[in-house]
Amino acid sequence: MFTAHNRWSNVMLLTFLSLFFLVSGCVSTENGAKGSEKIQNNTLTVKGRVQKVSFADGILVVAPPKGDNVTLKVTEKTPVTGGSIKEVEKLRPVRVTYTVEGKQNIAVSIELLPQGSCG
């Protein structure tokens, strides 16, 4: 038999689960690479907001919602989808695919995400 207390508990549970799934799932970690997601054997991806970008210095720093910032080596020739290279700016949500070579993270591609998206 359903009571007002049971209905309230169910409403609260559904609200919690809805919020949980809206907030989580932006970034998954694998192999200890916080804020990064492994997508191929030697390729990783990080999704977050641009904290610093300097194509002259070849630097792109991305801050994922969880974990440490990821510093990447980029050039003006790094492929960009979802917009132009000029739109890669501070606080812009991006998804960057990169490889690790020695101690450097080399950007393979940059995907511009819509403003307000998770990242």
PDB file of N, CA and C in Angstrom:
ATOM      1  N   MET A   1       0.831  -1.164   0.000  1.00  0.00           N
ATOM      2  CA  MET A   1       0.000   0.000   0.000  1.00  0.00           C
ATOM      3  C   MET A   1       0.894   1.252   0.000  1.00  0.00           C
ATOM      4  N   PHE A   2       0.576   2.201  -0.858  1.00  0.00           N
ATOM      5  CA  PHE A   2       1.353   3.429  -0.938  1.00  0.00           C
ATOM      6  C   PHE A   2       0.829   4.458   0.055  1.00  0.00           C
ATOM      7  N   THR A   3       1.735   5.084   0.725  1.00  0.00           N
ATOM      8  CA  THR A   3       1.372   6.153   1.647  1.00  0.00           C
ATOM      9  C   THR A   3       2.032   7.434   1.165  1.00  0.00           C
ATOM     10  N   ALA A   4       1.658   8.529   1.794  1.00  0.00           N
ATOM     11  CA  ALA A   4       2.261   9.811   1.432  1.00  0.00           C
ATOM     12  C   ALA A   4       3.770   9.771   1.669  1.00  0.00           C
ATOM     13  N   HIS A   5       4.196   9.087   2.718  1.00  0.00           N
ATOM     14  CA  HIS A   5       5.630   8.986   3.005  1.00  0.00           C
ATOM     15  C   HIS A   5       6.355   8.220   1.896  1.00  0.00           C
ATOM     16  N   ASN A   6       5.776   7.122   1.430  1.00  0.00           N
ATOM     17  CA  ASN A   6       6.392   6.346   0.356  1.00  0.00           C
ATOM     18  C   ASN A   6       6.472   7.164  -0.932  1.00  0.00           C
ATOM     19  N   ARG A   7       5.417   7.877  -1.244  1.00  0.00           N
ATOM     20  CA  ARG A   7       5.436   8.709  -2.455  1.00  0.00           C
ATOM     21  C   ARG A   7       6.511   9.780  -2.349  1.00  0.00           C
ATOM     22  N   TRP A   8       6.605  10.418  -1.190  1.00  0.00           N
ATOM     23  CA  TRP A   8       7.623  11.457  -0.981  1.00  0.00           C
ATOM     24  C   TRP A   8       9.023  10.858  -1.118  1.00  0.00           C
ATOM     25  N   SER A   9       9.230   9.686  -0.550  1.00  0.00           N
ATOM     26  CA  SER A   9      10.535   9.016  -0.659  1.00  0.00           C
ATOM     27  C   SER A   9      10.862   8.706  -2.106  1.00  0.00           C
ATOM     28  N   ASN A  10       9.873   8.241  -2.862  1.00  0.00           N
ATOM     29  CA  ASN A  10      10.097   7.945  -4.281  1.00  0.00           C
ATOM     30  C   ASN A  10      10.418   9.206  -5.074  1.00  0.00           C
ATOM     31  N   VAL A  11       9.705  10.286  -4.772  1.00  0.00           N
ATOM     32  CA  VAL A  11       9.977  11.561  -5.462  1.00  0.00           C
ATOM     33  C   VAL A  11      11.396  12.022  -5.161  1.00  0.00           C
ATOM     34  N   MET A  12      11.802  11.942  -3.906  1.00  0.00           N
ATOM     35  CA  MET A  12      13.158  12.371  -3.524  1.00  0.00           C
ATOM     36  C   MET A  12      14.206  11.495  -4.192  1.00  0.00           C
ATOM     37  N   LEU A  13      13.981  10.185  -4.236  1.00  0.00           N
ATOM     38  CA  LEU A  13      14.922   9.272  -4.877  1.00  0.00           C
ATOM     39  C   LEU A  13      15.055   9.591  -6.365  1.00  0.00           C
ATOM     40  N   LEU A  14      13.943   9.776  -7.041  1.00  0.00           N
ATOM     41  CA  LEU A  14      13.991  10.114  -8.470  1.00  0.00           C
ATOM     42  C   LEU A  14      14.680  11.451  -8.706  1.00  0.00           C
ATOM     43  N   THR A  15      14.440  12.429  -7.850  1.00  0.00           N
ATOM     44  CA  THR A  15      15.103  13.728  -7.975  1.00  0.00           C
ATOM     45  C   THR A  15      16.607  13.564  -7.812  1.00  0.00           C
ATOM     46  N   PHE A  16      17.018  12.817  -6.791  1.00  0.00           N
ATOM     47  CA  PHE A  16      18.444  12.592  -6.563  1.00  0.00           C
ATOM     48  C   PHE A  16      19.092  11.900  -7.754  1.00  0.00           C
ATOM     49  N   LEU A  17      18.461  10.832  -8.242  1.00  0.00           N
ATOM     50  CA  LEU A  17      19.037  10.094  -9.373  1.00  0.00           C
ATOM     51  C   LEU A  17      19.114  10.969 -10.621  1.00  0.00           C
ATOM     52  N   SER A  18      18.093  11.785 -10.851  1.00  0.00           N
ATOM     53  CA  SER A  18      18.114  12.681 -12.013  1.00  0.00           C
ATOM     54  C   SER A  18      19.275  13.661 -11.918  1.00  0.00           C
ATOM     55  N   LEU A  19      19.452  14.259 -10.746  1.00  0.00           N
ATOM     56  CA  LEU A  19      20.559  15.199 -10.564  1.00  0.00           C
ATOM     57  C   LEU A  19      21.894  14.498 -10.686  1.00  0.00           C
ATOM     58  N   PHE A  20      21.997  13.288 -10.149  1.00  0.00           N
ATOM     59  CA  PHE A  20      23.249  12.538 -10.220  1.00  0.00           C
ATOM     60  C   PHE A  20      23.652  12.307 -11.668  1.00  0.00           C
ATOM     61  N   PHE A  21      22.700  11.864 -12.491  1.00  0.00           N
ATOM     62  CA  PHE A  21      23.029  11.567 -13.871  1.00  0.00           C
ATOM     63  C   PHE A  21      23.251  12.823 -14.698  1.00  0.00           C
ATOM     64  N   LEU A  22      22.662  13.944 -14.323  1.00  0.00           N
ATOM     65  CA  LEU A  22      22.933  15.196 -15.019  1.00  0.00           C
ATOM     66  C   LEU A  22      24.333  15.707 -14.726  1.00  0.00           C
ATOM     67  N   VAL A  23      24.801  15.515 -13.489  1.00  0.00           N
ATOM     68  CA  VAL A  23      26.091  16.055 -13.072  1.00  0.00           C
ATOM     69  C   VAL A  23      27.232  15.136 -13.444  1.00  0.00           C
ATOM     70  N   SER A  24      27.036  13.846 -13.362  1.00  0.00           N
ATOM     71  CA  SER A  24      28.130  12.909 -13.598  1.00  0.00           C
ATOM     72  C   SER A  24      28.243  12.564 -15.070  1.00  0.00           C
ATOM     73  N   GLY A  25      29.302  11.851 -15.410  1.00  0.00           N
ATOM     74  CA  GLY A  25      29.457  11.331 -16.754  1.00  0.00           C
ATOM     75  C   GLY A  25      30.175  12.252 -17.710  1.00  0.00           C
ATOM     76  N   CYS A  26      30.648  13.391 -17.263  1.00  0.00           N
ATOM     77  CA  CYS A  26      31.339  14.309 -18.164  1.00  0.00           C
ATOM     78  C   CYS A  26      32.733  13.808 -18.489  1.00  0.00           C
ATOM     79  N   VAL A  27      33.398  13.289 -17.494  1.00  0.00           N
ATOM     80  CA  VAL A  27      34.770  12.842 -17.671  1.00  0.00           C
ATOM     81  C   VAL A  27      34.913  11.512 -16.979  1.00  0.00           C
ATOM     82  N   SER A  28      35.478  10.553 -17.669  1.00  0.00           N
ATOM     83  CA  SER A  28      35.790   9.296 -17.008  1.00  0.00           C
ATOM     84  C   SER A  28      37.295   9.153 -16.973  1.00  0.00           C
ATOM     85  N   THR A  29      37.773   8.407 -15.996  1.00  0.00           N
ATOM     86  CA  THR A  29      39.206   8.230 -15.867  1.00  0.00           C
ATOM     87  C   THR A  29      39.569   6.791 -16.152  1.00  0.00           C
ATOM     88  N   GLU A  30      40.754   6.608 -16.655  1.00  0.00           N
ATOM     89  CA  GLU A  30      41.245   5.281 -16.933  1.00  0.00           C
ATOM     90  C   GLU A  30      42.757   5.307 -16.809  1.00  0.00           C
ATOM     91  N   ASN A  31      43.312   4.262 -16.277  1.00  0.00           N
ATOM     92  CA  ASN A  31      44.761   4.144 -16.107  1.00  0.00           C
ATOM     93  C   ASN A  31      45.353   5.300 -15.317  1.00  0.00           C
ATOM     94  N   GLY A  32      44.615   5.821 -14.357  1.00  0.00           N
ATOM     95  CA  GLY A  32      45.138   6.868 -13.488  1.00  0.00           C
ATOM     96  C   GLY A  32      45.259   8.228 -14.128  1.00  0.00           C
ATOM     97  N   ALA A  33      44.784   8.405 -15.333  1.00  0.00           N
ATOM     98  CA  ALA A  33      44.867   9.704 -16.005  1.00  0.00           C
ATOM     99  C   ALA A  33      43.627  10.504 -15.633  1.00  0.00           C
ATOM    100  N   LYS A  34      43.688  11.192 -14.499  1.00  0.00           N
ATOM    101  CA  LYS A  34      42.517  11.942 -14.028  1.00  0.00           C
ATOM    102  C   LYS A  34      42.112  12.981 -15.056  1.00  0.00           C
ATOM    103  N   GLY A  35      40.816  13.067 -15.295  1.00  0.00           N
ATOM    104  CA  GLY A  35      40.302  14.055 -16.229  1.00  0.00           C
ATOM    105  C   GLY A  35      40.491  13.671 -17.681  1.00  0.00           C
ATOM    106  N   SER A  36      40.984  12.481 -17.913  1.00  0.00           N
ATOM    107  CA  SER A  36      41.208  12.026 -19.277  1.00  0.00           C
ATOM    108  C   SER A  36      40.489  10.705 -19.497  1.00  0.00           C
ATOM    109  N   GLU A  37      40.158  10.455 -20.714  1.00  0.00           N
ATOM    110  CA  GLU A  37      39.500   9.219 -21.075  1.00  0.00           C
ATOM    111  C   GLU A  37      40.319   8.564 -22.181  1.00  0.00           C
ATOM    112  N   LYS A  38      40.628   7.301 -22.009  1.00  0.00           N
ATOM    113  CA  LYS A  38      41.404   6.584 -23.019  1.00  0.00           C
ATOM    114  C   LYS A  38      40.464   6.171 -24.131  1.00  0.00           C
ATOM    115  N   ILE A  39      40.774   6.525 -25.387  1.00  0.00           N
ATOM    116  CA  ILE A  39      39.895   6.156 -26.483  1.00  0.00           C
ATOM    117  C   ILE A  39      40.550   5.194 -27.469  1.00  0.00           C
ATOM    118  N   GLN A  40      41.852   5.114 -27.481  1.00  0.00           N
ATOM    119  CA  GLN A  40      42.576   4.133 -28.273  1.00  0.00           C
ATOM    120  C   GLN A  40      43.815   3.757 -27.489  1.00  0.00           C
ATOM    121  N   ASN A  41      44.590   2.821 -28.008  1.00  0.00           N
ATOM    122  CA  ASN A  41      45.764   2.358 -27.270  1.00  0.00           C
ATOM    123  C   ASN A  41      46.680   3.483 -26.821  1.00  0.00           C
ATOM    124  N   ASN A  42      47.036   4.377 -27.702  1.00  0.00           N
ATOM    125  CA  ASN A  42      47.970   5.447 -27.364  1.00  0.00           C
ATOM    126  C   ASN A  42      47.341   6.823 -27.443  1.00  0.00           C
ATOM    127  N   THR A  43      46.029   6.885 -27.488  1.00  0.00           N
ATOM    128  CA  THR A  43      45.347   8.163 -27.621  1.00  0.00           C
ATOM    129  C   THR A  43      44.413   8.373 -26.436  1.00  0.00           C
ATOM    130  N   LEU A  44      44.456   9.569 -25.877  1.00  0.00           N
ATOM    131  CA  LEU A  44      43.593   9.951 -24.762  1.00  0.00           C
ATOM    132  C   LEU A  44      42.744  11.131 -25.179  1.00  0.00           C
ATOM    133  N   THR A  45      41.703  11.400 -24.393  1.00  0.00           N
ATOM    134  CA  THR A  45      40.909  12.587 -24.637  1.00  0.00           C
ATOM    135  C   THR A  45      40.608  13.257 -23.307  1.00  0.00           C
ATOM    136  N   VAL A  46      40.590  14.572 -23.326  1.00  0.00           N
ATOM    137  CA  VAL A  46      40.222  15.341 -22.136  1.00  0.00           C
ATOM    138  C   VAL A  46      39.133  16.309 -22.552  1.00  0.00           C
ATOM    139  N   LYS A  47      38.112  16.416 -21.691  1.00  0.00           N
ATOM    140  CA  LYS A  47      37.000  17.309 -21.943  1.00  0.00           C
ATOM    141  C   LYS A  47      36.949  18.304 -20.792  1.00  0.00           C
ATOM    142  N   GLY A  48      36.928  19.581 -21.125  1.00  0.00           N
ATOM    143  CA  GLY A  48      36.887  20.601 -20.091  1.00  0.00           C
ATOM    144  C   GLY A  48      36.908  21.984 -20.700  1.00  0.00           C
ATOM    145  N   ARG A  49      37.236  22.962 -19.871  1.00  0.00           N
ATOM    146  CA  ARG A  49      37.289  24.355 -20.328  1.00  0.00           C
ATOM    147  C   ARG A  49      38.740  24.790 -20.530  1.00  0.00           C
ATOM    148  N   VAL A  50      38.951  25.567 -21.570  1.00  0.00           N
ATOM    149  CA  VAL A  50      40.282  26.104 -21.855  1.00  0.00           C
ATOM    150  C   VAL A  50      40.659  27.077 -20.740  1.00  0.00           C
ATOM    151  N   GLN A  51      41.837  26.884 -20.172  1.00  0.00           N
ATOM    152  CA  GLN A  51      42.343  27.792 -19.136  1.00  0.00           C
ATOM    153  C   GLN A  51      43.401  28.727 -19.703  1.00  0.00           C
ATOM    154  N   LYS A  52      44.137  28.218 -20.689  1.00  0.00           N
ATOM    155  CA  LYS A  52      45.176  29.033 -21.327  1.00  0.00           C
ATOM    156  C   LYS A  52      45.367  28.506 -22.739  1.00  0.00           C
ATOM    157  N   VAL A  53      45.555  29.437 -23.666  1.00  0.00           N
ATOM    158  CA  VAL A  53      45.852  29.043 -25.035  1.00  0.00           C
ATOM    159  C   VAL A  53      46.833  30.050 -25.616  1.00  0.00           C
ATOM    160  N   SER A  54      47.903  29.531 -26.186  1.00  0.00           N
ATOM    161  CA  SER A  54      48.885  30.354 -26.878  1.00  0.00           C
ATOM    162  C   SER A  54      49.460  29.532 -28.017  1.00  0.00           C
ATOM    163  N   PHE A  55      48.962  29.798 -29.219  1.00  0.00           N
ATOM    164  CA  PHE A  55      49.476  29.059 -30.369  1.00  0.00           C
ATOM    165  C   PHE A  55      50.902  29.473 -30.675  1.00  0.00           C
ATOM    166  N   ALA A  56      51.260  30.705 -30.356  1.00  0.00           N
ATOM    167  CA  ALA A  56      52.632  31.163 -30.567  1.00  0.00           C
ATOM    168  C   ALA A  56      53.604  30.347 -29.704  1.00  0.00           C
ATOM    169  N   ASP A  57      53.182  30.035 -28.462  1.00  0.00           N
ATOM    170  CA  ASP A  57      54.012  29.233 -27.571  1.00  0.00           C
ATOM    171  C   ASP A  57      53.715  27.744 -27.685  1.00  0.00           C
ATOM    172  N   GLY A  58      52.667  27.388 -28.440  1.00  0.00           N
ATOM    173  CA  GLY A  58      52.309  25.991 -28.624  1.00  0.00           C
ATOM    174  C   GLY A  58      51.705  25.354 -27.388  1.00  0.00           C
ATOM    175  N   ILE A  59      50.921  26.138 -26.611  1.00  0.00           N
ATOM    176  CA  ILE A  59      50.373  25.638 -25.351  1.00  0.00           C
ATOM    177  C   ILE A  59      48.857  25.762 -25.327  1.00  0.00           C
ATOM    178  N   LEU A  60      48.209  24.688 -24.870  1.00  0.00           N
ATOM    179  CA  LEU A  60      46.783  24.690 -24.588  1.00  0.00           C
ATOM    180  C   LEU A  60      46.611  23.984 -23.249  1.00  0.00           C
ATOM    181  N   VAL A  61      45.976  24.654 -22.292  1.00  0.00           N
ATOM    182  CA  VAL A  61      45.725  24.070 -20.977  1.00  0.00           C
ATOM    183  C   VAL A  61      44.222  23.900 -20.829  1.00  0.00           C
ATOM    184  N   VAL A  62      43.806  22.654 -20.536  1.00  0.00           N
ATOM    185  CA  VAL A  62      42.392  22.331 -20.385  1.00  0.00           C
ATOM    186  C   VAL A  62      42.141  21.889 -18.951  1.00  0.00           C
ATOM    187  N   ALA A  63      41.073  22.447 -18.341  1.00  0.00           N
ATOM    188  CA  ALA A  63      40.689  22.086 -16.970  1.00  0.00           C
ATOM    189  C   ALA A  63      39.425  21.232 -17.021  1.00  0.00           C
ATOM    190  N   PRO A  64      39.556  19.923 -16.751  1.00  0.00           N
ATOM    191  CA  PRO A  64      38.359  19.084 -16.696  1.00  0.00           C
ATOM    192  C   PRO A  64      37.576  19.366 -15.423  1.00  0.00           C
ATOM    193  N   PRO A  65      36.289  18.976 -15.375  1.00  0.00           N
ATOM    194  CA  PRO A  65      35.503  19.204 -14.160  1.00  0.00           C
ATOM    195  C   PRO A  65      36.113  18.531 -12.931  1.00  0.00           C
ATOM    196  N   LYS A  66      36.788  17.409 -13.126  1.00  0.00           N
ATOM    197  CA  LYS A  66      37.441  16.692 -12.028  1.00  0.00           C
ATOM    198  C   LYS A  66      38.878  16.399 -12.438  1.00  0.00           C
ATOM    199  N   GLY A  67      39.774  16.463 -11.499  1.00  0.00           N
ATOM    200  CA  GLY A  67      41.165  16.138 -11.782  1.00  0.00           C
ATOM    201  C   GLY A  67      41.996  17.364 -12.093  1.00  0.00           C
ATOM    202  N   ASP A  68      43.248  17.106 -12.429  1.00  0.00           N
ATOM    203  CA  ASP A  68      44.205  18.170 -12.689  1.00  0.00           C
ATOM    204  C   ASP A  68      44.082  18.711 -14.105  1.00  0.00           C
ATOM    205  N   ASN A  69      44.537  19.952 -14.285  1.00  0.00           N
ATOM    206  CA  ASN A  69      44.610  20.536 -15.624  1.00  0.00           C
ATOM    207  C   ASN A  69      45.531  19.698 -16.493  1.00  0.00           C
ATOM    208  N   VAL A  70      45.239  19.674 -17.784  1.00  0.00           N
ATOM    209  CA  VAL A  70      46.070  18.952 -18.752  1.00  0.00           C
ATOM    210  C   VAL A  70      46.695  19.979 -19.676  1.00  0.00           C
ATOM    211  N   THR A  71      48.035  19.993 -19.726  1.00  0.00           N
ATOM    212  CA  THR A  71      48.770  20.894 -20.615  1.00  0.00           C
ATOM    213  C   THR A  71      49.111  20.134 -21.882  1.00  0.00           C
ATOM    214  N   LEU A  72      48.781  20.752 -23.021  1.00  0.00           N
ATOM    215  CA  LEU A  72      48.957  20.103 -24.318  1.00  0.00           C
ATOM    216  C   LEU A  72      49.798  20.961 -25.241  1.00  0.00           C
ATOM    217  N   LYS A  73      50.543  20.302 -26.106  1.00  0.00           N
ATOM    218  CA  LYS A  73      51.307  20.990 -27.143  1.00  0.00           C
ATOM    219  C   LYS A  73      50.415  21.072 -28.377  1.00  0.00           C
ATOM    220  N   VAL A  74      50.250  22.306 -28.907  1.00  0.00           N
ATOM    221  CA  VAL A  74      49.392  22.536 -30.074  1.00  0.00           C
ATOM    222  C   VAL A  74      50.098  23.458 -31.064  1.00  0.00           C
ATOM    223  N   THR A  75      49.584  23.448 -32.282  1.00  0.00           N
ATOM    224  CA  THR A  75      50.022  24.408 -33.299  1.00  0.00           C
ATOM    225  C   THR A  75      48.776  24.961 -33.972  1.00  0.00           C
ATOM    226  N   GLU A  76      48.953  25.965 -34.777  1.00  0.00           N
ATOM    227  CA  GLU A  76      47.818  26.517 -35.525  1.00  0.00           C
ATOM    228  C   GLU A  76      47.313  25.529 -36.573  1.00  0.00           C
ATOM    229  N   LYS A  77      48.081  24.477 -36.831  1.00  0.00           N
ATOM    230  CA  LYS A  77      47.674  23.450 -37.791  1.00  0.00           C
ATOM    231  C   LYS A  77      46.947  22.285 -37.131  1.00  0.00           C
ATOM    232  N   THR A  78      46.816  22.314 -35.801  1.00  0.00           N
ATOM    233  CA  THR A  78      46.069  21.267 -35.108  1.00  0.00           C
ATOM    234  C   THR A  78      44.615  21.334 -35.578  1.00  0.00           C
ATOM    235  N   PRO A  79      44.055  20.213 -36.074  1.00  0.00           N
ATOM    236  CA  PRO A  79      42.679  20.243 -36.591  1.00  0.00           C
ATOM    237  C   PRO A  79      41.659  20.633 -35.521  1.00  0.00           C
ATOM    238  N   VAL A  80      40.715  21.494 -35.905  1.00  0.00           N
ATOM    239  CA  VAL A  80      39.649  21.950 -35.011  1.00  0.00           C
ATOM    240  C   VAL A  80      38.316  21.641 -35.668  1.00  0.00           C
ATOM    241  N   THR A  81      37.418  20.979 -34.917  1.00  0.00           N
ATOM    242  CA  THR A  81      36.064  20.732 -35.416  1.00  0.00           C
ATOM    243  C   THR A  81      35.082  21.521 -34.558  1.00  0.00           C
ATOM    244  N   GLY A  82      33.941  21.815 -35.140  1.00  0.00           N
ATOM    245  CA  GLY A  82      32.912  22.560 -34.414  1.00  0.00           C
ATOM    246  C   GLY A  82      33.127  24.057 -34.427  1.00  0.00           C
ATOM    247  N   GLY A  83      34.066  24.526 -35.213  1.00  0.00           N
ATOM    248  CA  GLY A  83      34.363  25.958 -35.292  1.00  0.00           C
ATOM    249  C   GLY A  83      35.752  26.166 -35.873  1.00  0.00           C
ATOM    250  N   SER A  84      36.283  27.367 -35.672  1.00  0.00           N
ATOM    251  CA  SER A  84      37.604  27.683 -36.225  1.00  0.00           C
ATOM    252  C   SER A  84      38.647  27.761 -35.119  1.00  0.00           C
ATOM    253  N   ILE A  85      39.881  27.756 -35.520  1.00  0.00           N
ATOM    254  CA  ILE A  85      40.997  27.855 -34.585  1.00  0.00           C
ATOM    255  C   ILE A  85      40.904  29.136 -33.762  1.00  0.00           C
ATOM    256  N   LYS A  86      40.330  30.188 -34.337  1.00  0.00           N
ATOM    257  CA  LYS A  86      40.203  31.469 -33.640  1.00  0.00           C
ATOM    258  C   LYS A  86      39.207  31.403 -32.482  1.00  0.00           C
ATOM    259  N   GLU A  87      38.347  30.378 -32.474  1.00  0.00           N
ATOM    260  CA  GLU A  87      37.353  30.230 -31.418  1.00  0.00           C
ATOM    261  C   GLU A  87      37.881  29.453 -30.206  1.00  0.00           C
ATOM    262  N   VAL A  88      39.115  28.971 -30.293  1.00  0.00           N
ATOM    263  CA  VAL A  88      39.733  28.295 -29.153  1.00  0.00           C
ATOM    264  C   VAL A  88      40.238  29.401 -28.230  1.00  0.00           C
ATOM    265  N   GLU A  89      39.462  29.682 -27.194  1.00  0.00           N
ATOM    266  CA  GLU A  89      39.777  30.787 -26.297  1.00  0.00           C
ATOM    267  C   GLU A  89      39.486  30.384 -24.857  1.00  0.00           C
ATOM    268  N   LYS A  90      39.956  31.199 -23.933  1.00  0.00           N
ATOM    269  CA  LYS A  90      39.808  30.919 -22.512  1.00  0.00           C
ATOM    270  C   LYS A  90      38.336  30.704 -22.144  1.00  0.00           C
ATOM    271  N   LEU A  91      38.091  29.680 -21.337  1.00  0.00           N
ATOM    272  CA  LEU A  91      36.797  29.254 -20.806  1.00  0.00           C
ATOM    273  C   LEU A  91      35.903  28.568 -21.828  1.00  0.00           C
ATOM    274  N   ARG A  92      36.378  28.378 -23.051  1.00  0.00           N
ATOM    275  CA  ARG A  92      35.596  27.670 -24.072  1.00  0.00           C
ATOM    276  C   ARG A  92      35.612  26.172 -23.753  1.00  0.00           C
ATOM    277  N   PRO A  93      34.451  25.506 -23.738  1.00  0.00           N
ATOM    278  CA  PRO A  93      34.425  24.058 -23.546  1.00  0.00           C
ATOM    279  C   PRO A  93      34.996  23.347 -24.783  1.00  0.00           C
ATOM    280  N   VAL A  94      35.889  22.406 -24.545  1.00  0.00           N
ATOM    281  CA  VAL A  94      36.528  21.663 -25.632  1.00  0.00           C
ATOM    282  C   VAL A  94      36.679  20.196 -25.254  1.00  0.00           C
ATOM    283  N   ARG A  95      36.874  19.377 -26.268  1.00  0.00           N
ATOM    284  CA  ARG A  95      37.286  17.992 -26.109  1.00  0.00           C
ATOM    285  C   ARG A  95      38.537  17.853 -26.965  1.00  0.00           C
ATOM    286  N   VAL A  96      39.641  17.520 -26.325  1.00  0.00           N
ATOM    287  CA  VAL A  96      40.909  17.418 -27.046  1.00  0.00           C
ATOM    288  C   VAL A  96      41.378  15.962 -27.031  1.00  0.00           C
ATOM    289  N   THR A  97      41.675  15.453 -28.212  1.00  0.00           N
ATOM    290  CA  THR A  97      42.274  14.136 -28.349  1.00  0.00           C
ATOM    291  C   THR A  97      43.772  14.348 -28.444  1.00  0.00           C
ATOM    292  N   TYR A  98      44.534  13.539 -27.687  1.00  0.00           N
ATOM    293  CA  TYR A  98      45.983  13.739 -27.668  1.00  0.00           C
ATOM    294  C   TYR A  98      46.732  12.432 -27.449  1.00  0.00           C
ATOM    295  N   THR A  99      48.011  12.475 -27.755  1.00  0.00           N
ATOM    296  CA  THR A  99      48.901  11.350 -27.496  1.00  0.00           C
ATOM    297  C   THR A  99      49.959  11.800 -26.507  1.00  0.00           C
ATOM    298  N   VAL A 100      50.549  10.844 -25.827  1.00  0.00           N
ATOM    299  CA  VAL A 100      51.620  11.144 -24.891  1.00  0.00           C
ATOM    300  C   VAL A 100      52.925  10.667 -25.528  1.00  0.00           C
ATOM    301  N   GLU A 101      53.837  11.613 -25.703  1.00  0.00           N
ATOM    302  CA  GLU A 101      55.161  11.303 -26.264  1.00  0.00           C
ATOM    303  C   GLU A 101      56.199  11.799 -25.273  1.00  0.00           C
ATOM    304  N   GLY A 102      56.828  10.854 -24.599  1.00  0.00           N
ATOM    305  CA  GLY A 102      57.775  11.234 -23.555  1.00  0.00           C
ATOM    306  C   GLY A 102      57.014  11.900 -22.428  1.00  0.00           C
ATOM    307  N   LYS A 103      57.387  13.139 -22.117  1.00  0.00           N
ATOM    308  CA  LYS A 103      56.697  13.886 -21.056  1.00  0.00           C
ATOM    309  C   LYS A 103      55.733  14.921 -21.601  1.00  0.00           C
ATOM    310  N   GLN A 104      55.463  14.880 -22.919  1.00  0.00           N
ATOM    311  CA  GLN A 104      54.584  15.873 -23.535  1.00  0.00           C
ATOM    312  C   GLN A 104      53.277  15.245 -23.996  1.00  0.00           C
ATOM    313  N   ASN A 105      52.205  16.009 -23.827  1.00  0.00           N
ATOM    314  CA  ASN A 105      50.899  15.648 -24.369  1.00  0.00           C
ATOM    315  C   ASN A 105      50.736  16.410 -25.681  1.00  0.00           C
ATOM    316  N   ILE A 106      50.641  15.682 -26.779  1.00  0.00           N
ATOM    317  CA  ILE A 106      50.562  16.293 -28.104  1.00  0.00           C
ATOM    318  C   ILE A 106      49.114  16.241 -28.587  1.00  0.00           C
ATOM    319  N   ALA A 107      48.510  17.411 -28.798  1.00  0.00           N
ATOM    320  CA  ALA A 107      47.123  17.478 -29.267  1.00  0.00           C
ATOM    321  C   ALA A 107      47.038  16.945 -30.692  1.00  0.00           C
ATOM    322  N   VAL A 108      46.117  16.004 -30.905  1.00  0.00           N
ATOM    323  CA  VAL A 108      45.865  15.443 -32.228  1.00  0.00           C
ATOM    324  C   VAL A 108      44.717  16.197 -32.885  1.00  0.00           C
ATOM    325  N   SER A 109      43.698  16.525 -32.082  1.00  0.00           N
ATOM    326  CA  SER A 109      42.558  17.293 -32.598  1.00  0.00           C
ATOM    327  C   SER A 109      41.855  17.993 -31.440  1.00  0.00           C
ATOM    328  N   ILE A 110      41.171  19.081 -31.791  1.00  0.00           N
ATOM    329  CA  ILE A 110      40.407  19.866 -30.821  1.00  0.00           C
ATOM    330  C   ILE A 110      38.972  19.927 -31.335  1.00  0.00           C
ATOM    331  N   GLU A 111      38.034  19.589 -30.459  1.00  0.00           N
ATOM    332  CA  GLU A 111      36.613  19.730 -30.797  1.00  0.00           C
ATOM    333  C   GLU A 111      36.024  20.823 -29.926  1.00  0.00           C
ATOM    334  N   LEU A 112      35.496  21.860 -30.563  1.00  0.00           N
ATOM    335  CA  LEU A 112      34.825  22.925 -29.827  1.00  0.00           C
ATOM    336  C   LEU A 112      33.437  22.455 -29.456  1.00  0.00           C
ATOM    337  N   LEU A 113      33.101  22.599 -28.189  1.00  0.00           N
ATOM    338  CA  LEU A 113      31.794  22.193 -27.685  1.00  0.00           C
ATOM    339  C   LEU A 113      30.922  23.435 -27.498  1.00  0.00           C
ATOM    340  N   PRO A 114      29.608  23.273 -27.524  1.00  0.00           N
ATOM    341  CA  PRO A 114      28.720  24.431 -27.341  1.00  0.00           C
ATOM    342  C   PRO A 114      28.920  25.070 -25.977  1.00  0.00           C
ATOM    343  N   GLN A 115      28.810  26.390 -25.912  1.00  0.00           N
ATOM    344  CA  GLN A 115      28.886  27.093 -24.632  1.00  0.00           C
ATOM    345  C   GLN A 115      27.809  26.537 -23.719  1.00  0.00           C
ATOM    346  N   GLY A 116      28.143  26.385 -22.460  1.00  0.00           N
ATOM    347  CA  GLY A 116      27.199  25.862 -21.492  1.00  0.00           C
ATOM    348  C   GLY A 116      27.175  24.353 -21.416  1.00  0.00           C
ATOM    349  N   SER A 117      27.956  23.692 -22.280  1.00  0.00           N
ATOM    350  CA  SER A 117      27.987  22.236 -22.216  1.00  0.00           C
ATOM    351  C   SER A 117      28.904  21.798 -21.091  1.00  0.00           C
ATOM    352  N   CYS A 118      28.786  20.561 -20.737  1.00  0.00           N
ATOM    353  CA  CYS A 118      29.622  20.007 -19.678  1.00  0.00           C
ATOM    354  C   CYS A 118      31.083  20.112 -20.092  1.00  0.00           C
ATOM    355  N   GLY A 119      31.909  20.603 -19.229  1.00  0.00           N
ATOM    356  CA  GLY A 119      33.320  20.659 -19.560  1.00  0.00           C
ATOM    357  C   GLY A 119      34.023  21.799 -18.982  1.00  0.00           C
TER     358      GLY A 119
END
